[in-house]
Amino acid sequence: TDHPNGLIQAGTITFDGSGNLQSFDGVAATIGAVTVGTTGDLTDADISAEWTNGSDASAINLDFGTIGLGNGITQFAAGADANGNNVDYTTHFINQNGAQAGTMVNYALTEEGFLQIEFANGVKRPVYKLAIATFEAADEMENHTGNVYRQTRESGDYLLREPGLNGAGNVVASALEGSNVDLAEEFTNMIVTQRAYSANTKTITTTDEMLDELISIKR
């Protein structure tokens, strides 16, 4: 956290190739132990400093984060380039550019028609885009078993379009199309039809009886 009075002390902290703290330049310090684990994680940092300007002694806790995660240092200043040449101190920001190798763990279709692959490293990448065929007269297509339609001369030729554009619908993955029939209304119509059938049957029976009676009178 920035000090309310601004910079109160500056110095250089030096580490060796194993990550062990070697010296403080610019402050009088009691150097403790900085331990780095076999995976590169900082496991212990015991550092304290007594400032030369009379400020109270400070306990310094260094957090270099966890290997593979961006939870530690986000920037640093360097006075030398990669070849060890002295240069003006420059602040460098640590940003991730890329990801570690990962295998495919899942896939999904987006509403825009993209086939999106998810990898074990958390990266999601679109690899293919589906096209939707539209017809000038879709109602004139020929219906076949299995919810399949076939192009006819009346329907016209198909046009491939991007999902959601120029009249093409969107892609809805892992879903079944619901029926547009009102079950309550159709059930009522079925009862009415059944009653009408029963009434017609009764009419036929009555007519048959009248014919029998007419034949008997003729005899």
C-alpha atoms as a PDB file:
ATOM      1  CA  THR A   1       0.000   0.000   0.000  1.00  0.00           C
ATOM      2  CA  ASP A   2       1.324   3.464  -0.870  1.00  0.00           C
ATOM      3  CA  HIS A   3       2.524   5.517   2.112  1.00  0.00           C
ATOM      4  CA  PRO A   4       0.416   8.675   2.648  1.00  0.00           C
ATOM      5  CA  ASN A   5       3.599  10.758   2.783  1.00  0.00           C
ATOM      6  CA  GLY A   6       4.978   9.344  -0.447  1.00  0.00           C
ATOM      7  CA  LEU A   7       8.278   7.490  -0.811  1.00  0.00           C
ATOM      8  CA  ILE A   8      10.112   7.205   2.526  1.00  0.00           C
ATOM      9  CA  GLN A   9      13.026   4.969   1.498  1.00  0.00           C
ATOM     10  CA  ALA A  10      14.434   3.304  -1.608  1.00  0.00           C
ATOM     11  CA  GLY A  11      16.867   0.465  -1.989  1.00  0.00           C
ATOM     12  CA  THR A  12      17.884  -2.594  -3.963  1.00  0.00           C
ATOM     13  CA  ILE A  13      17.110  -6.165  -2.900  1.00  0.00           C
ATOM     14  CA  THR A  14      19.505  -8.755  -4.316  1.00  0.00           C
ATOM     15  CA  PHE A  15      18.832 -12.502  -4.677  1.00  0.00           C
ATOM     16  CA  ASP A  16      21.138 -15.271  -5.809  1.00  0.00           C
ATOM     17  CA  GLY A  17      20.388 -17.814  -8.525  1.00  0.00           C
ATOM     18  CA  SER A  18      18.577 -20.057  -6.031  1.00  0.00           C
ATOM     19  CA  GLY A  19      16.242 -17.297  -4.933  1.00  0.00           C
ATOM     20  CA  ASN A  20      17.987 -16.680  -1.605  1.00  0.00           C
ATOM     21  CA  LEU A  21      18.091 -13.100  -0.356  1.00  0.00           C
ATOM     22  CA  GLN A  22      21.643 -11.729  -0.434  1.00  0.00           C
ATOM     23  CA  SER A  23      21.568  -8.069   0.520  1.00  0.00           C
ATOM     24  CA  PHE A  24      19.699  -4.805   0.912  1.00  0.00           C
ATOM     25  CA  ASP A  25      21.346  -1.731  -0.640  1.00  0.00           C
ATOM     26  CA  GLY A  26      20.213   1.559   0.914  1.00  0.00           C
ATOM     27  CA  VAL A  27      18.795   0.264   4.199  1.00  0.00           C
ATOM     28  CA  ALA A  28      20.154  -1.317   7.323  1.00  0.00           C
ATOM     29  CA  ALA A  29      18.460  -4.678   7.395  1.00  0.00           C
ATOM     30  CA  THR A  30      18.397  -7.917   9.278  1.00  0.00           C
ATOM     31  CA  ILE A  31      18.279 -10.561   6.601  1.00  0.00           C
ATOM     32  CA  GLY A  32      16.378 -13.735   7.382  1.00  0.00           C
ATOM     33  CA  ALA A  33      15.741 -16.780   5.227  1.00  0.00           C
ATOM     34  CA  VAL A  34      13.893 -16.891   1.937  1.00  0.00           C
ATOM     35  CA  THR A  35      13.020 -20.493   1.047  1.00  0.00           C
ATOM     36  CA  VAL A  36      11.825 -21.635  -2.364  1.00  0.00           C
ATOM     37  CA  GLY A  37      10.163 -25.036  -2.754  1.00  0.00           C
ATOM     38  CA  THR A  38      10.967 -27.613  -5.415  1.00  0.00           C
ATOM     39  CA  THR A  39       8.063 -26.372  -7.567  1.00  0.00           C
ATOM     40  CA  GLY A  40       9.246 -22.774  -7.402  1.00  0.00           C
ATOM     41  CA  ASP A  41       6.744 -21.670  -4.753  1.00  0.00           C
ATOM     42  CA  LEU A  42       7.965 -19.250  -2.094  1.00  0.00           C
ATOM     43  CA  THR A  43       7.483 -21.223   1.131  1.00  0.00           C
ATOM     44  CA  ASP A  44       9.059 -18.845   3.657  1.00  0.00           C
ATOM     45  CA  ALA A  45      10.188 -15.190   3.711  1.00  0.00           C
ATOM     46  CA  ASP A  46      11.616 -13.866   6.990  1.00  0.00           C
ATOM     47  CA  ILE A  47      12.814 -10.309   6.281  1.00  0.00           C
ATOM     48  CA  SER A  48      12.953  -7.247   8.537  1.00  0.00           C
ATOM     49  CA  ALA A  49      14.461  -3.805   7.927  1.00  0.00           C
ATOM     50  CA  GLU A  50      15.511  -0.896  10.162  1.00  0.00           C
ATOM     51  CA  TRP A  51      15.176   2.302   8.153  1.00  0.00           C
ATOM     52  CA  THR A  52      18.094   4.797   8.278  1.00  0.00           C
ATOM     53  CA  ASN A  53      15.746   7.780   8.509  1.00  0.00           C
ATOM     54  CA  GLY A  54      14.543   6.774  11.983  1.00  0.00           C
ATOM     55  CA  SER A  55      11.262   5.184  10.949  1.00  0.00           C
ATOM     56  CA  ASP A  56      10.024   2.211  12.921  1.00  0.00           C
ATOM     57  CA  ALA A  57      11.423  -1.167  11.951  1.00  0.00           C
ATOM     58  CA  SER A  58       9.376  -2.983   9.312  1.00  0.00           C
ATOM     59  CA  ALA A  59       8.594  -6.626   8.756  1.00  0.00           C
ATOM     60  CA  ILE A  60       8.530  -7.334   5.024  1.00  0.00           C
ATOM     61  CA  ASN A  61       6.411 -10.142   3.630  1.00  0.00           C
ATOM     62  CA  LEU A  62       7.229 -11.074   0.041  1.00  0.00           C
ATOM     63  CA  ASP A  63       4.511 -12.816  -1.962  1.00  0.00           C
ATOM     64  CA  PHE A  64       5.708 -14.072  -5.322  1.00  0.00           C
ATOM     65  CA  GLY A  65       2.473 -15.978  -5.907  1.00  0.00           C
ATOM     66  CA  THR A  66       1.911 -19.532  -7.088  1.00  0.00           C
ATOM     67  CA  ILE A  67       3.417 -21.151 -10.148  1.00  0.00           C
ATOM     68  CA  GLY A  68       0.912 -21.027 -13.007  1.00  0.00           C
ATOM     69  CA  LEU A  69      -1.371 -18.488 -11.317  1.00  0.00           C
ATOM     70  CA  GLY A  70      -1.468 -14.728 -11.568  1.00  0.00           C
ATOM     71  CA  ASN A  71      -1.834 -14.126  -7.831  1.00  0.00           C
ATOM     72  CA  GLY A  72       1.601 -12.717  -6.983  1.00  0.00           C
ATOM     73  CA  ILE A  73       3.837  -9.994  -8.381  1.00  0.00           C
ATOM     74  CA  THR A  74       2.206  -7.998 -11.171  1.00  0.00           C
ATOM     75  CA  GLN A  75       5.090  -5.625 -11.962  1.00  0.00           C
ATOM     76  CA  PHE A  76       8.776  -5.079 -11.198  1.00  0.00           C
ATOM     77  CA  ALA A  77      11.580  -2.610 -11.953  1.00  0.00           C
ATOM     78  CA  ALA A  78      14.821  -3.660 -13.601  1.00  0.00           C
ATOM     79  CA  GLY A  79      18.136  -1.822 -13.955  1.00  0.00           C
ATOM     80  CA  ALA A  80      19.640  -4.299 -16.396  1.00  0.00           C
ATOM     81  CA  ASP A  81      18.525  -5.980 -19.572  1.00  0.00           C
ATOM     82  CA  ALA A  82      18.452  -9.712 -20.296  1.00  0.00           C
ATOM     83  CA  ASN A  83      22.167  -9.634 -21.161  1.00  0.00           C
ATOM     84  CA  GLY A  84      23.174  -7.979 -17.885  1.00  0.00           C
ATOM     85  CA  ASN A  85      23.843  -4.547 -19.374  1.00  0.00           C
ATOM     86  CA  ASN A  86      23.059  -1.626 -17.090  1.00  0.00           C
ATOM     87  CA  VAL A  87      20.058   0.417 -18.256  1.00  0.00           C
ATOM     88  CA  ASP A  88      17.785   3.032 -16.738  1.00  0.00           C
ATOM     89  CA  TYR A  89      15.317   1.557 -14.280  1.00  0.00           C
ATOM     90  CA  THR A  90      12.088   0.708 -16.051  1.00  0.00           C
ATOM     91  CA  THR A  91       8.851  -0.610 -14.602  1.00  0.00           C
ATOM     92  CA  HIS A  92       7.775  -3.846 -16.231  1.00  0.00           C
ATOM     93  CA  PHE A  93       4.240  -5.221 -16.023  1.00  0.00           C
ATOM     94  CA  ILE A  94       3.667  -8.954 -15.956  1.00  0.00           C
ATOM     95  CA  ASN A  95       0.884  -9.985 -18.320  1.00  0.00           C
ATOM     96  CA  GLN A  96      -0.125 -13.414 -19.525  1.00  0.00           C
ATOM     97  CA  ASN A  97       0.185 -13.939 -23.262  1.00  0.00           C
ATOM     98  CA  GLY A  98      -0.926 -17.454 -24.105  1.00  0.00           C
ATOM     99  CA  ALA A  99      -1.662 -20.544 -22.028  1.00  0.00           C
ATOM    100  CA  GLN A 100      -0.134 -23.880 -21.211  1.00  0.00           C
ATOM    101  CA  ALA A 101      -0.973 -26.908 -23.352  1.00  0.00           C
ATOM    102  CA  GLY A 102      -4.369 -28.425 -22.656  1.00  0.00           C
ATOM    103  CA  THR A 103      -6.497 -31.306 -23.923  1.00  0.00           C
ATOM    104  CA  MET A 104     -10.136 -31.013 -24.950  1.00  0.00           C
ATOM    105  CA  VAL A 105     -12.520 -31.589 -22.043  1.00  0.00           C
ATOM    106  CA  ASN A 106     -15.849 -30.333 -23.413  1.00  0.00           C
ATOM    107  CA  TYR A 107     -17.596 -28.806 -26.411  1.00  0.00           C
ATOM    108  CA  ALA A 108     -20.753 -26.770 -26.941  1.00  0.00           C
ATOM    109  CA  LEU A 109     -22.755 -25.016 -29.644  1.00  0.00           C
ATOM    110  CA  THR A 110     -23.372 -21.309 -29.133  1.00  0.00           C
ATOM    111  CA  GLU A 111     -26.485 -19.393 -30.194  1.00  0.00           C
ATOM    112  CA  GLU A 112     -24.451 -17.834 -33.011  1.00  0.00           C
ATOM    113  CA  GLY A 113     -23.729 -21.313 -34.415  1.00  0.00           C
ATOM    114  CA  PHE A 114     -20.113 -21.655 -33.285  1.00  0.00           C
ATOM    115  CA  LEU A 115     -18.797 -25.073 -32.256  1.00  0.00           C
ATOM    116  CA  GLN A 116     -16.775 -24.060 -29.194  1.00  0.00           C
ATOM    117  CA  ILE A 117     -14.093 -26.321 -27.724  1.00  0.00           C
ATOM    118  CA  GLU A 118     -13.112 -26.063 -24.049  1.00  0.00           C
ATOM    119  CA  PHE A 119      -9.618 -27.174 -23.031  1.00  0.00           C
ATOM    120  CA  ALA A 120      -8.248 -28.335 -19.667  1.00  0.00           C
ATOM    121  CA  ASN A 121      -6.269 -25.093 -19.297  1.00  0.00           C
ATOM    122  CA  GLY A 122      -9.493 -23.057 -19.270  1.00  0.00           C
ATOM    123  CA  VAL A 123      -9.208 -21.758 -22.840  1.00  0.00           C
ATOM    124  CA  LYS A 124     -12.394 -21.776 -24.948  1.00  0.00           C
ATOM    125  CA  ARG A 125     -11.970 -21.504 -28.703  1.00  0.00           C
ATOM    126  CA  PRO A 126     -14.482 -21.568 -31.599  1.00  0.00           C
ATOM    127  CA  VAL A 127     -13.323 -24.004 -34.285  1.00  0.00           C
ATOM    128  CA  TYR A 128     -16.287 -24.189 -36.671  1.00  0.00           C
ATOM    129  CA  LYS A 129     -19.471 -22.288 -37.525  1.00  0.00           C
ATOM    130  CA  LEU A 130     -22.695 -23.962 -38.625  1.00  0.00           C
ATOM    131  CA  ALA A 131     -24.726 -22.627 -41.537  1.00  0.00           C
ATOM    132  CA  ILE A 132     -28.544 -22.546 -41.693  1.00  0.00           C
ATOM    133  CA  ALA A 133     -30.357 -23.256 -44.973  1.00  0.00           C
ATOM    134  CA  THR A 134     -33.349 -21.045 -45.816  1.00  0.00           C
ATOM    135  CA  PHE A 135     -35.915 -21.392 -48.640  1.00  0.00           C
ATOM    136  CA  GLU A 136     -38.091 -18.846 -50.416  1.00  0.00           C
ATOM    137  CA  ALA A 137     -41.171 -21.026 -49.812  1.00  0.00           C
ATOM    138  CA  ALA A 138     -40.365 -23.262 -46.852  1.00  0.00           C
ATOM    139  CA  ASP A 139     -44.037 -24.350 -46.573  1.00  0.00           C
ATOM    140  CA  GLU A 140     -43.740 -26.050 -49.976  1.00  0.00           C
ATOM    141  CA  MET A 141     -41.062 -28.496 -48.803  1.00  0.00           C
ATOM    142  CA  GLU A 142     -41.933 -32.197 -48.824  1.00  0.00           C
ATOM    143  CA  ASN A 143     -42.459 -33.778 -45.406  1.00  0.00           C
ATOM    144  CA  HIS A 144     -40.869 -37.155 -44.667  1.00  0.00           C
ATOM    145  CA  THR A 145     -40.827 -39.522 -41.700  1.00  0.00           C
ATOM    146  CA  GLY A 146     -38.456 -38.621 -38.870  1.00  0.00           C
ATOM    147  CA  ASN A 147     -39.056 -34.856 -38.867  1.00  0.00           C
ATOM    148  CA  VAL A 148     -37.203 -34.542 -42.173  1.00  0.00           C
ATOM    149  CA  TYR A 149     -38.069 -32.200 -45.040  1.00  0.00           C
ATOM    150  CA  ARG A 150     -36.972 -32.393 -48.663  1.00  0.00           C
ATOM    151  CA  GLN A 151     -36.470 -29.586 -51.140  1.00  0.00           C
ATOM    152  CA  THR A 152     -39.043 -29.384 -53.956  1.00  0.00           C
ATOM    153  CA  ARG A 153     -39.408 -27.309 -57.107  1.00  0.00           C
ATOM    154  CA  GLU A 154     -42.054 -25.189 -55.412  1.00  0.00           C
ATOM    155  CA  SER A 155     -39.880 -24.498 -52.338  1.00  0.00           C
ATOM    156  CA  GLY A 156     -37.025 -23.145 -54.449  1.00  0.00           C
ATOM    157  CA  ASP A 157     -33.293 -23.582 -53.945  1.00  0.00           C
ATOM    158  CA  TYR A 158     -31.721 -23.253 -50.527  1.00  0.00           C
ATOM    159  CA  LEU A 159     -29.539 -20.371 -49.375  1.00  0.00           C
ATOM    160  CA  LEU A 160     -26.899 -20.838 -46.662  1.00  0.00           C
ATOM    161  CA  ARG A 161     -26.919 -18.047 -44.074  1.00  0.00           C
ATOM    162  CA  GLU A 162     -25.276 -17.264 -40.754  1.00  0.00           C
ATOM    163  CA  PRO A 163     -27.459 -18.048 -37.716  1.00  0.00           C
ATOM    164  CA  GLY A 164     -29.546 -15.077 -36.601  1.00  0.00           C
ATOM    165  CA  LEU A 165     -28.940 -13.034 -39.790  1.00  0.00           C
ATOM    166  CA  ASN A 166     -31.100 -12.310 -42.858  1.00  0.00           C
ATOM    167  CA  GLY A 167     -34.097 -14.280 -41.651  1.00  0.00           C
ATOM    168  CA  ALA A 168     -32.182 -17.350 -40.442  1.00  0.00           C
ATOM    169  CA  GLY A 169     -33.033 -18.645 -36.975  1.00  0.00           C
ATOM    170  CA  ASN A 170     -30.674 -19.088 -34.052  1.00  0.00           C
ATOM    171  CA  VAL A 171     -29.035 -22.333 -32.948  1.00  0.00           C
ATOM    172  CA  VAL A 172     -30.454 -23.873 -29.758  1.00  0.00           C
ATOM    173  CA  ALA A 173     -28.230 -26.747 -28.618  1.00  0.00           C
ATOM    174  CA  SER A 174     -29.332 -29.735 -26.509  1.00  0.00           C
ATOM    175  CA  ALA A 175     -33.027 -28.860 -26.830  1.00  0.00           C
ATOM    176  CA  LEU A 176     -36.146 -30.471 -28.286  1.00  0.00           C
ATOM    177  CA  GLU A 177     -38.694 -28.406 -30.182  1.00  0.00           C
ATOM    178  CA  GLY A 178     -41.983 -28.237 -28.310  1.00  0.00           C
ATOM    179  CA  SER A 179     -45.329 -28.908 -30.020  1.00  0.00           C
ATOM    180  CA  ASN A 180     -47.420 -25.885 -31.040  1.00  0.00           C
ATOM    181  CA  VAL A 181     -50.664 -27.813 -30.397  1.00  0.00           C
ATOM    182  CA  ASP A 182     -52.929 -26.793 -27.497  1.00  0.00           C
ATOM    183  CA  LEU A 183     -53.637 -30.138 -25.799  1.00  0.00           C
ATOM    184  CA  ALA A 184     -56.690 -28.852 -23.883  1.00  0.00           C
ATOM    185  CA  GLU A 185     -58.304 -27.518 -27.066  1.00  0.00           C
ATOM    186  CA  GLU A 186     -57.586 -30.683 -29.026  1.00  0.00           C
ATOM    187  CA  PHE A 187     -58.954 -32.868 -26.214  1.00  0.00           C
ATOM    188  CA  THR A 188     -62.196 -30.852 -26.276  1.00  0.00           C
ATOM    189  CA  ASN A 189     -62.431 -31.254 -30.056  1.00  0.00           C
ATOM    190  CA  MET A 190     -61.951 -35.001 -29.656  1.00  0.00           C
ATOM    191  CA  ILE A 191     -64.875 -35.236 -27.205  1.00  0.00           C
ATOM    192  CA  VAL A 192     -67.113 -33.202 -29.548  1.00  0.00           C
ATOM    193  CA  THR A 193     -66.188 -35.492 -32.447  1.00  0.00           C
ATOM    194  CA  GLN A 194     -66.876 -38.573 -30.331  1.00  0.00           C
ATOM    195  CA  ARG A 195     -70.342 -37.268 -29.377  1.00  0.00           C
ATOM    196  CA  ALA A 196     -71.106 -36.459 -33.004  1.00  0.00           C
ATOM    197  CA  TYR A 197     -70.084 -39.963 -34.023  1.00  0.00           C
ATOM    198  CA  SER A 198     -72.354 -41.466 -31.342  1.00  0.00           C
ATOM    199  CA  ALA A 199     -75.244 -39.275 -32.519  1.00  0.00           C
ATOM    200  CA  ASN A 200     -74.734 -40.346 -36.125  1.00  0.00           C
ATOM    201  CA  THR A 201     -74.667 -43.984 -35.047  1.00  0.00           C
ATOM    202  CA  LYS A 202     -78.003 -43.505 -33.246  1.00  0.00           C
ATOM    203  CA  THR A 203     -79.471 -41.891 -36.365  1.00  0.00           C
ATOM    204  CA  ILE A 204     -78.433 -44.856 -38.493  1.00  0.00           C
ATOM    205  CA  THR A 205     -79.990 -47.261 -35.972  1.00  0.00           C
ATOM    206  CA  THR A 206     -83.286 -45.325 -35.965  1.00  0.00           C
ATOM    207  CA  THR A 207     -83.358 -45.219 -39.765  1.00  0.00           C
ATOM    208  CA  ASP A 208     -82.788 -48.963 -39.900  1.00  0.00           C
ATOM    209  CA  GLU A 209     -85.714 -49.558 -37.538  1.00  0.00           C
ATOM    210  CA  MET A 210     -87.976 -47.318 -39.671  1.00  0.00           C
ATOM    211  CA  LEU A 211     -87.047 -49.280 -42.793  1.00  0.00           C
ATOM    212  CA  ASP A 212     -87.875 -52.555 -41.040  1.00  0.00           C
ATOM    213  CA  GLU A 213     -91.251 -51.139 -40.023  1.00  0.00           C
ATOM    214  CA  LEU A 214     -91.937 -49.962 -43.580  1.00  0.00           C
ATOM    215  CA  ILE A 215     -91.138 -53.382 -44.995  1.00  0.00           C
ATOM    216  CA  SER A 216     -93.475 -55.002 -42.456  1.00  0.00           C
ATOM    217  CA  ILE A 217     -96.342 -52.679 -43.461  1.00  0.00           C
ATOM    218  CA  LYS A 218     -95.818 -53.544 -47.129  1.00  0.00           C
ATOM    219  CA  ARG A 219     -96.166 -57.227 -46.381  1.00  0.00           C
END
